Protein backbone atom coordinates (compact mmCIF):
# COMPACT_ATOMS: atom_id res chain seq x y z
CA UNK A 1 -23.76 -2.73 -9.92
CA UNK A 2 -21.52 -2.83 -12.72
CA UNK A 3 -18.60 -5.74 -13.61
CA UNK A 4 -16.03 -2.98 -13.64
CA UNK A 5 -13.04 -4.12 -11.33
CA UNK A 6 -12.99 -1.74 -7.89
CA UNK A 7 -9.62 -1.03 -6.37
CA UNK A 8 -9.20 0.77 -2.81
CA UNK A 9 -6.14 2.34 -2.50
CA UNK A 10 -5.05 3.89 1.00
CA UNK A 11 -3.59 6.75 1.55
CA UNK A 12 -4.65 7.68 -2.25
CA UNK A 13 -5.27 11.76 -1.86
CA UNK A 14 -1.89 12.32 -2.95
CA UNK A 15 1.63 11.36 -3.84
CA UNK A 16 2.31 7.53 -4.69
CA UNK A 17 -1.17 6.58 -3.49
CA UNK A 18 -3.07 9.03 -5.81
CA UNK A 19 -0.93 8.04 -8.75
CA UNK A 20 -1.83 4.39 -8.02
CA UNK A 21 -5.01 5.33 -8.43
CA UNK A 22 -5.10 7.48 -11.26
CA UNK A 23 -3.21 4.58 -13.07
CA UNK A 24 -5.51 1.81 -12.34
CA UNK A 25 -8.18 4.54 -13.33
CA UNK A 26 -6.73 4.46 -16.43
CA UNK A 27 -6.80 0.51 -16.99
CA UNK A 28 -10.80 0.97 -16.18
CA UNK A 29 -10.99 0.18 -12.47
CA UNK A 30 -13.16 1.80 -10.32
CA UNK A 31 -11.42 3.49 -7.78
CA UNK A 32 -11.98 3.90 -3.94
CA UNK A 33 -9.68 6.65 -2.63
CA UNK A 34 -8.97 6.22 1.14
CA UNK A 35 -8.20 8.95 2.99
CA UNK A 36 -7.85 10.12 6.94
CA UNK A 37 -9.16 13.41 5.91
CA UNK A 38 -12.36 13.48 4.38
CA UNK A 39 -12.18 16.76 2.52
CA UNK A 40 -8.96 15.80 0.81
CA UNK A 41 -10.16 12.67 -0.28
CA UNK A 42 -13.31 13.81 -1.82
CA UNK A 43 -11.25 16.16 -3.33
CA UNK A 44 -9.02 13.54 -4.75
CA UNK A 45 -11.86 11.62 -5.88
CA UNK A 46 -12.92 14.77 -7.39
CA UNK A 47 -9.95 15.28 -9.72
CA UNK A 48 -9.79 11.60 -10.75
CA UNK A 49 -13.38 11.92 -12.05
CA UNK A 50 -12.44 15.20 -14.00
CA UNK A 51 -9.96 12.77 -15.55
CA UNK A 52 -12.62 10.79 -16.93
CA UNK A 53 -12.08 7.65 -13.90
CA UNK A 54 -15.08 6.27 -11.94
CA UNK A 55 -13.98 7.54 -8.46
CA UNK A 56 -15.13 7.76 -4.96
CA UNK A 57 -14.03 8.66 -1.38
CA UNK A 58 -14.34 6.84 2.01
CA UNK A 59 -12.80 8.35 5.33
CA UNK A 60 -10.41 5.72 6.37
CA UNK A 61 -7.65 5.55 9.22
CA UNK A 62 -6.01 2.93 8.91
CA UNK A 63 -5.03 2.77 12.54
CA UNK A 64 -8.78 3.07 13.83
CA UNK A 65 -10.65 -0.20 13.60
CA UNK A 66 -14.19 1.61 13.62
CA UNK A 67 -13.11 3.85 10.78
CA UNK A 68 -12.05 0.83 8.99
CA UNK A 69 -15.15 -0.93 9.31
CA UNK A 70 -17.27 1.58 8.16
CA UNK A 71 -14.92 2.31 5.29
CA UNK A 72 -15.69 -1.63 4.51
CA UNK A 73 -19.56 -1.03 5.04
CA UNK A 74 -19.31 1.97 2.53
CA UNK A 75 -17.23 -0.27 -0.35
CA UNK A 76 -19.71 -2.71 -0.22
CA UNK A 77 -22.77 -0.81 -0.73
CA UNK A 78 -21.34 0.89 -3.33
CA UNK A 79 -19.44 -1.30 -5.14
CA UNK A 80 -20.84 -4.81 -3.55
CA UNK A 81 -17.10 -6.62 -3.59
CA UNK A 82 -13.26 -5.24 -4.01
CA UNK A 83 -10.80 -7.03 -6.54
CA UNK A 84 -7.81 -4.91 -5.74
CA UNK A 85 -6.50 -3.90 -2.32
CA UNK A 86 -3.37 -1.73 -2.38
CA UNK A 87 -2.45 -1.19 1.39
CA UNK A 88 -0.34 2.23 0.75
CA UNK A 89 -0.65 4.35 3.59
CA UNK A 90 2.32 4.35 5.76
CA UNK A 91 4.57 6.82 7.71
CA UNK A 92 8.42 7.07 8.57
CA UNK A 93 8.42 8.60 12.26
CA UNK A 94 10.15 10.92 13.83
CA UNK A 95 14.10 11.31 12.16
CA UNK A 96 17.42 12.80 13.12
CA UNK A 97 19.43 14.26 10.78
CA UNK A 98 19.49 12.75 7.39
CA UNK A 99 16.65 11.03 8.38
CA UNK A 100 18.38 8.45 10.80
CA UNK A 101 16.67 6.69 13.38
CA UNK A 102 19.30 5.72 15.74
CA UNK A 103 17.96 2.19 17.93
CA UNK A 104 20.46 2.85 20.29
CA UNK A 105 18.36 6.07 21.24
CA UNK A 106 15.22 5.85 19.96
CA UNK A 107 11.87 6.43 21.07
CA UNK A 108 9.26 3.66 21.70
CA UNK A 109 5.95 6.04 21.53
CA UNK A 110 7.89 6.43 17.73
CA UNK A 111 8.00 3.11 16.85
CA UNK A 112 4.71 2.17 18.43
CA UNK A 113 3.41 5.08 16.22
CA UNK A 114 5.33 3.61 12.84
CA UNK A 115 3.96 -0.31 13.66
CA UNK A 116 0.12 0.95 14.02
CA UNK A 117 0.03 2.53 10.86
CA UNK A 118 2.60 0.11 8.60
CA UNK A 119 1.96 -3.07 10.24
CA UNK A 120 -1.50 -3.21 12.11
CA UNK A 121 -2.52 -1.01 10.32
CA UNK A 122 -2.36 -3.29 7.04
CA UNK A 123 -3.15 -6.23 8.92
CA UNK A 124 -6.11 -4.26 10.11
CA UNK A 125 -7.21 -3.01 6.30
CA UNK A 126 -6.80 -6.23 5.12
CA UNK A 127 -9.11 -8.52 7.03
CA UNK A 128 -11.48 -5.77 7.07
CA UNK A 129 -12.09 -6.30 3.38
CA UNK A 130 -11.14 -9.56 2.64
CA UNK A 131 -15.01 -10.48 2.59
CA UNK A 132 -15.72 -8.38 -0.03
CA UNK A 133 -12.46 -9.58 -1.82
CA UNK A 134 -13.95 -13.06 -1.69
CA UNK A 135 -16.56 -12.01 -3.96
CA UNK A 136 -14.03 -11.04 -6.55
CA UNK A 137 -13.38 -13.49 -9.24
CA UNK A 138 -9.75 -12.25 -9.40
CA UNK A 139 -8.74 -10.76 -6.47
CA UNK A 140 -5.58 -8.88 -5.95
CA UNK A 141 -3.31 -7.61 -2.47
CA UNK A 142 -0.69 -5.46 -3.02
CA UNK A 143 1.31 -4.03 -0.17
CA UNK A 144 3.39 -1.06 -0.68
CA UNK A 145 7.14 -1.97 1.04
CA UNK A 146 10.26 -0.60 0.44
CA UNK A 147 14.14 -2.19 -0.36
CA UNK A 148 14.86 -0.89 3.22
CA UNK A 149 13.03 -3.78 4.15
CA UNK A 150 14.99 -6.36 2.78
CA UNK A 151 17.17 -7.64 5.45
CA UNK A 152 19.60 -9.20 2.89
CA UNK A 153 20.41 -6.00 1.30
CA UNK A 154 20.23 -3.94 4.70
CA UNK A 155 22.96 -6.44 6.29
CA UNK A 156 24.82 -6.10 2.71
CA UNK A 157 27.96 -3.87 3.26
CA UNK A 158 28.13 -3.85 -0.44
CA UNK A 159 24.63 -2.30 -1.31
CA UNK A 160 23.72 0.83 -0.59
CA UNK A 161 20.07 0.98 1.01
CA UNK A 162 20.17 4.59 2.47
CA UNK A 163 20.10 5.42 6.48
CA UNK A 164 19.58 3.46 9.36
CA UNK A 165 15.87 4.00 9.59
CA UNK A 166 15.41 1.61 13.28
CA UNK A 167 11.71 2.36 13.41
CA UNK A 168 10.95 2.16 9.63
CA UNK A 169 12.67 0.08 8.12
CA UNK A 170 11.80 -2.92 10.31
CA UNK A 171 8.44 -2.04 9.51
CA UNK A 172 8.42 -3.03 6.40
CA UNK A 173 10.76 -6.25 7.11
CA UNK A 174 6.94 -7.11 9.14
CA UNK A 175 5.06 -6.10 5.94
CA UNK A 176 7.48 -8.18 3.98
CA UNK A 177 6.57 -11.22 5.95
CA UNK A 178 3.13 -10.84 6.37
CA UNK A 179 2.63 -10.40 2.39
CA UNK A 180 4.33 -14.34 3.10
CA UNK A 181 2.20 -15.49 5.04
CA UNK A 182 -1.40 -14.08 3.51
CA UNK A 183 -0.01 -15.79 0.50
CA UNK A 184 -0.19 -19.04 2.52
CA UNK A 185 -2.94 -18.82 4.23
CA UNK A 186 -4.97 -17.79 0.96
CA UNK A 187 -3.04 -19.90 -1.49
CA UNK A 188 -5.89 -22.00 -3.57
CA UNK A 189 -8.51 -19.01 -2.93
CA UNK A 190 -7.13 -17.00 -6.31
CA UNK A 191 -6.33 -14.11 -4.26
CA UNK A 192 -2.77 -13.12 -5.24
CA UNK A 193 -0.62 -11.02 -2.69
CA UNK A 194 2.68 -9.82 -3.23
CA UNK A 195 4.88 -6.94 -1.63
CA UNK A 196 6.24 -3.94 -3.90
CA UNK A 197 9.21 -1.76 -3.42
CA UNK A 198 8.50 1.62 -5.70
CA UNK A 199 11.65 3.49 -4.84
CA UNK A 200 12.75 6.69 -3.31
CA UNK A 201 9.80 8.49 -5.07
CA UNK A 202 9.69 12.03 -4.92
CA UNK A 203 6.91 13.00 -3.01
CA UNK A 204 6.46 14.52 0.33
CA UNK A 205 6.85 11.73 2.18
CA UNK A 206 10.88 12.01 1.17
CA UNK A 207 10.74 15.95 0.74
CA UNK A 208 10.38 15.72 -2.95
CA UNK A 209 13.73 13.73 -3.42
CA UNK A 210 13.73 11.06 -5.82
CA UNK A 211 12.12 9.64 -9.07
CA UNK A 212 9.13 10.26 -10.52
CA UNK A 213 5.72 9.27 -9.00
CA UNK A 214 4.49 7.96 -12.39
CA UNK A 215 7.14 6.00 -12.91
CA UNK A 216 7.45 4.71 -9.28
CA UNK A 217 3.34 3.36 -9.48
CA UNK A 218 4.31 0.90 -12.39
CA UNK A 219 5.52 -2.22 -10.25
CA UNK A 220 2.33 -2.00 -7.62
CA UNK A 221 -0.09 -1.04 -10.59
CA UNK A 222 1.52 -4.29 -12.40
CA UNK A 223 1.10 -6.24 -9.23
CA UNK A 224 -2.22 -5.01 -8.90
CA UNK A 225 -3.40 -6.44 -12.29
CA UNK A 226 -1.79 -9.94 -12.54
CA UNK A 227 -3.25 -12.14 -14.45
CA UNK A 228 -4.73 -15.41 -12.72
CA UNK A 229 -2.00 -17.65 -12.07
CA UNK A 230 0.75 -15.30 -11.36
CA UNK A 231 2.75 -14.87 -8.44
CA UNK A 232 1.94 -14.72 -5.01
CA UNK A 233 3.93 -14.18 -1.54
CA UNK A 234 6.63 -12.65 -3.38
CA UNK A 235 8.58 -9.05 -3.33
CA UNK A 236 9.08 -6.88 -6.31
CA UNK A 237 10.57 -3.90 -7.68
CA UNK A 238 10.82 -2.70 -11.46
CA UNK A 239 13.83 -5.11 -12.32
CA UNK A 240 12.34 -8.37 -10.56
CA UNK A 241 12.43 -10.23 -7.07
CA UNK A 242 13.84 -7.96 -4.19
CA UNK A 243 15.73 -10.53 -2.01
CA UNK A 244 14.24 -10.88 1.54
């Protein structure tokens, strides 16, 4: 096996995930495209290969223990270790007009589904891949969060943090807290764990409203390629540290 760094990006068959994968590939990483849909994942990996990136796809449903375990096994067999994990896969859940999720009328099944993907999915994937990350000399974990997960900004009426999304936004707050606890637990191991806010990104997730996906991928890519001794347990956007 080569010494080229290997990066897994979940939800990488399109949108922000694909752009992060492409950016890491351009920085000479071997890219693993994690995608629920095998056909779409293979198509994305083929597109990356056509652009000169070493890439392969693994079927990966972050809500399934067996799918995640199998993906970890496949990555271990193909690459031997994992140097970068980008937990990008996420869902917003059903919304009302203007993307709202009214906390007073929330459907708990919607909440459960969003938590299962955005929170449990990150724990499930990260823990399954930790043995491979520990084999890397400079492992990095990046959790794709959002400014709507900043309780500081959400509670400040002077800050425009978008609509009330009482199912989605708290999952990003939870993810931010998890980022801190992973960083604390893994302190001294060389594994750097950070959260990235890409901003409002023009993908199908947002109805193609927001900034170009290439710009949005910059902070996740920077955190995925931090030098040894870089920050861990922090939350960043393009401008710097985002308040919790």
